[in-house]
Structures are given as C-alpha cells and as structure tokens.
Amino acid sequence: MGIDELLKEKREEILRLAAQHGAHNVRIFGSVARGEAGAVSDVDFLVEMEEGRSFLDLVGLWQDLEELLECKVDVISDGGISPYLRDRIYAEVRPLGRTTEFICCTYATQYSAS
C-alpha cells in the first residue's frame, strides 16, 4: 500500500489523534504532498495547535502518528515554521482533514505577501 492510500485509509484516525492532542487543520507537505514520496519517505504534517497546548502535545501527536502509520513522520505547527521555509511549505501544503484548497491557498498568499 502506498503512502497516499495509507493516509486515506487512516484519515479519520489521524484526525482523532490530532484532536486528542489539541491539533486541528491537519495538512501534509513535503515529498508526499508533491507526489514524490518513495519507499522510505517520511510524512510531514503541518497542524494548528489550540491555545494553551504545549510542545509536549506536539511530541505526543508525533509519537502516536508514527505508531499508527508505522513510518517516520514529522509534525510541526504553523507557529513553528522557520521563516526561511515558510513560503516553500505553504506553496505545497495539502489538506488532510476538513479544510479546503481555498484555505490553504489563502495561507500561501498571506505568508508570501509578508
């Protein structure tokens, strides 16, 4: 099973885990979002965290997602993106949950204008 199929199959469980850790607007970026993932590619997740949540919540989500997907993952929050990588990440980000392409395009436009 390819990574795209795995993400589709596990979508609801990914969103449930994210919510448990105070994360929402779950998106992917990197090689998976670009359609360039190989057999050893990791999955890069970008999330928004609820106010009052800590780095430990992000680490917990990272651990749970690695266990669920049985592959390496990276999880970063919108606030944790390096300014040097922001434009590139927002240019390729793809929604996983109940967001729309319009919302992602709005983020890309907003951050590339700053």
C-alpha atoms as a PDB file:
ATOM      1  CA  MET A   1       0.000   0.000   0.000  1.00  0.00           C
ATOM      2  CA  GLY A   2       1.353   3.426  -0.952  1.00  0.00           C
ATOM      3  CA  ILE A   3       1.517   6.330   1.461  1.00  0.00           C
ATOM      4  CA  ASP A   4      -1.412   8.138  -0.220  1.00  0.00           C
ATOM      5  CA  GLU A   5      -3.645   5.095   0.226  1.00  0.00           C
ATOM      6  CA  LEU A   6      -2.466   4.699   3.814  1.00  0.00           C
ATOM      7  CA  LEU A   7      -3.306   8.331   4.606  1.00  0.00           C
ATOM      8  CA  LYS A   8      -6.764   7.951   3.049  1.00  0.00           C
ATOM      9  CA  GLU A   9      -7.406   4.729   4.962  1.00  0.00           C
ATOM     10  CA  LYS A  10      -6.218   6.188   8.282  1.00  0.00           C
ATOM     11  CA  ARG A  11      -7.603   9.725   7.768  1.00  0.00           C
ATOM     12  CA  GLU A  12     -10.280   9.614  10.477  1.00  0.00           C
ATOM     13  CA  GLU A  13      -7.904   8.062  12.991  1.00  0.00           C
ATOM     14  CA  ILE A  14      -5.247  10.694  12.201  1.00  0.00           C
ATOM     15  CA  LEU A  15      -7.803  13.457  12.784  1.00  0.00           C
ATOM     16  CA  ARG A  16      -8.964  11.824  16.030  1.00  0.00           C
ATOM     17  CA  LEU A  17      -5.394  11.630  17.345  1.00  0.00           C
ATOM     18  CA  ALA A  18      -4.770  15.223  16.329  1.00  0.00           C
ATOM     19  CA  ALA A  19      -7.876  16.387  18.196  1.00  0.00           C
ATOM     20  CA  GLN A  20      -6.818  14.457  21.316  1.00  0.00           C
ATOM     21  CA  HIS A  21      -3.562  16.410  21.311  1.00  0.00           C
ATOM     22  CA  GLY A  22      -5.196  19.785  20.641  1.00  0.00           C
ATOM     23  CA  ALA A  23      -4.320  19.949  16.948  1.00  0.00           C
ATOM     24  CA  HIS A  24      -6.601  20.783  14.035  1.00  0.00           C
ATOM     25  CA  ASN A  25      -6.367  21.826  10.380  1.00  0.00           C
ATOM     26  CA  VAL A  26      -4.137  18.827   9.685  1.00  0.00           C
ATOM     27  CA  ARG A  27      -2.209  19.185   6.442  1.00  0.00           C
ATOM     28  CA  ILE A  28       0.658  17.446   4.712  1.00  0.00           C
ATOM     29  CA  PHE A  29       3.634  18.885   2.887  1.00  0.00           C
ATOM     30  CA  GLY A  30       6.947  17.649   1.563  1.00  0.00           C
ATOM     31  CA  SER A  31       7.505  14.729  -0.777  1.00  0.00           C
ATOM     32  CA  VAL A  32       4.099  13.166  -0.043  1.00  0.00           C
ATOM     33  CA  ALA A  33       2.239  16.383  -0.901  1.00  0.00           C
ATOM     34  CA  ARG A  34       4.307  16.801  -4.069  1.00  0.00           C
ATOM     35  CA  GLY A  35       3.605  13.221  -5.159  1.00  0.00           C
ATOM     36  CA  GLU A  36       7.307  12.347  -4.966  1.00  0.00           C
ATOM     37  CA  ALA A  37       7.285  10.013  -1.956  1.00  0.00           C
ATOM     38  CA  GLY A  38       9.442   6.915  -2.171  1.00  0.00           C
ATOM     39  CA  ALA A  39       9.526   3.720  -0.151  1.00  0.00           C
ATOM     40  CA  VAL A  40      11.487   5.332   2.685  1.00  0.00           C
ATOM     41  CA  SER A  41       9.898   8.800   2.648  1.00  0.00           C
ATOM     42  CA  ASP A  42       8.573  10.272   5.856  1.00  0.00           C
ATOM     43  CA  VAL A  43       5.236  12.059   6.142  1.00  0.00           C
ATOM     44  CA  ASP A  44       5.408  15.751   7.009  1.00  0.00           C
ATOM     45  CA  PHE A  45       2.364  17.054   8.892  1.00  0.00           C
ATOM     46  CA  LEU A  46       1.534  20.711   9.484  1.00  0.00           C
ATOM     47  CA  VAL A  47      -1.059  21.457  12.174  1.00  0.00           C
ATOM     48  CA  GLU A  48      -2.603  24.328  14.089  1.00  0.00           C
ATOM     49  CA  MET A  49      -2.487  23.902  17.861  1.00  0.00           C
ATOM     50  CA  GLU A  50      -5.158  25.022  20.300  1.00  0.00           C
ATOM     51  CA  GLU A  51      -4.159  27.885  22.534  1.00  0.00           C
ATOM     52  CA  GLY A  52      -2.673  26.687  25.801  1.00  0.00           C
ATOM     53  CA  ARG A  53      -1.234  23.494  24.333  1.00  0.00           C
ATOM     54  CA  SER A  54       2.441  22.767  24.825  1.00  0.00           C
ATOM     55  CA  PHE A  55       5.329  21.270  22.902  1.00  0.00           C
ATOM     56  CA  LEU A  56       4.580  18.010  24.733  1.00  0.00           C
ATOM     57  CA  ASP A  57       1.219  17.833  22.949  1.00  0.00           C
ATOM     58  CA  LEU A  58       3.023  18.118  19.617  1.00  0.00           C
ATOM     59  CA  VAL A  59       5.507  15.407  20.638  1.00  0.00           C
ATOM     60  CA  GLY A  60       2.657  13.151  21.762  1.00  0.00           C
ATOM     61  CA  LEU A  61       0.940  13.587  18.408  1.00  0.00           C
ATOM     62  CA  TRP A  62       4.199  12.825  16.598  1.00  0.00           C
ATOM     63  CA  GLN A  63       4.652   9.585  18.576  1.00  0.00           C
ATOM     64  CA  ASP A  64       1.050   8.485  18.076  1.00  0.00           C
ATOM     65  CA  LEU A  65       1.177   9.157  14.326  1.00  0.00           C
ATOM     66  CA  GLU A  66       4.402   7.179  13.921  1.00  0.00           C
ATOM     67  CA  GLU A  67       2.813   4.269  15.763  1.00  0.00           C
ATOM     68  CA  LEU A  68      -0.397   4.457  13.723  1.00  0.00           C
ATOM     69  CA  LEU A  69       1.234   4.820  10.313  1.00  0.00           C
ATOM     70  CA  GLU A  70       4.269   2.621  11.072  1.00  0.00           C
ATOM     71  CA  CYS A  71       6.596   5.062   9.331  1.00  0.00           C
ATOM     72  CA  LYS A  72       8.650   8.136  10.157  1.00  0.00           C
ATOM     73  CA  VAL A  73       6.677  11.358  10.485  1.00  0.00           C
ATOM     74  CA  ASP A  74       7.438  14.968  11.261  1.00  0.00           C
ATOM     75  CA  VAL A  75       4.846  17.208  12.885  1.00  0.00           C
ATOM     76  CA  ILE A  76       5.210  20.973  13.038  1.00  0.00           C
ATOM     77  CA  SER A  77       2.779  23.697  13.972  1.00  0.00           C
ATOM     78  CA  ASP A  78       2.123  26.826  11.956  1.00  0.00           C
ATOM     79  CA  GLY A  79       3.911  28.799  14.655  1.00  0.00           C
ATOM     80  CA  GLY A  80       6.950  26.535  14.477  1.00  0.00           C
ATOM     81  CA  ILE A  81       7.775  27.051  10.804  1.00  0.00           C
ATOM     82  CA  SER A  82      11.097  28.685  10.085  1.00  0.00           C
ATOM     83  CA  PRO A  83      10.614  31.976   8.224  1.00  0.00           C
ATOM     84  CA  TYR A  84      13.151  30.672   5.706  1.00  0.00           C
ATOM     85  CA  LEU A  85      10.959  27.663   4.849  1.00  0.00           C
ATOM     86  CA  ARG A  86       7.500  29.196   5.240  1.00  0.00           C
ATOM     87  CA  ASP A  87       6.874  30.109   1.592  1.00  0.00           C
ATOM     88  CA  ARG A  88       8.033  26.732   0.297  1.00  0.00           C
ATOM     89  CA  ILE A  89       5.922  24.807   2.806  1.00  0.00           C
ATOM     90  CA  TYR A  90       2.760  26.829   2.198  1.00  0.00           C
ATOM     91  CA  ALA A  91       3.223  26.526  -1.567  1.00  0.00           C
ATOM     92  CA  GLU A  92       2.998  22.719  -1.423  1.00  0.00           C
ATOM     93  CA  VAL A  93       0.753  22.095   1.596  1.00  0.00           C
ATOM     94  CA  ARG A  94      -2.271  19.830   1.026  1.00  0.00           C
ATOM     95  CA  PRO A  95      -5.248  19.423   3.354  1.00  0.00           C
ATOM     96  CA  LEU A  96      -5.837  16.131   5.100  1.00  0.00           C
ATOM     97  CA  GLY A  97      -8.899  16.995   7.146  1.00  0.00           C
ATOM     98  CA  ARG A  98     -11.930  19.168   6.695  1.00  0.00           C
ATOM     99  CA  THR A  99     -10.066  22.130   5.245  1.00  0.00           C
ATOM    100  CA  THR A 100     -10.315  23.199   1.636  1.00  0.00           C
ATOM    101  CA  GLU A 101      -7.826  24.095  -1.057  1.00  0.00           C
ATOM    102  CA  PHE A 102      -9.072  27.691  -0.748  1.00  0.00           C
ATOM    103  CA  ILE A 103      -7.951  27.889   2.863  1.00  0.00           C
ATOM    104  CA  CYS A 104      -4.505  26.531   2.006  1.00  0.00           C
ATOM    105  CA  CYS A 105      -4.176  28.950  -0.892  1.00  0.00           C
ATOM    106  CA  THR A 106      -5.170  31.776   1.448  1.00  0.00           C
ATOM    107  CA  TYR A 107      -2.338  30.807   3.826  1.00  0.00           C
ATOM    108  CA  ALA A 108       0.159  30.708   0.970  1.00  0.00           C
ATOM    109  CA  THR A 109      -0.957  34.107  -0.283  1.00  0.00           C
ATOM    110  CA  GLN A 110      -0.973  35.598   3.212  1.00  0.00           C
ATOM    111  CA  TYR A 111       2.524  34.410   4.082  1.00  0.00           C
ATOM    112  CA  SER A 112       4.147  35.094   0.730  1.00  0.00           C
ATOM    113  CA  ALA A 113       2.921  38.700   0.950  1.00  0.00           C
ATOM    114  CA  SER A 114       4.655  39.270   4.306  1.00  0.00           C
END
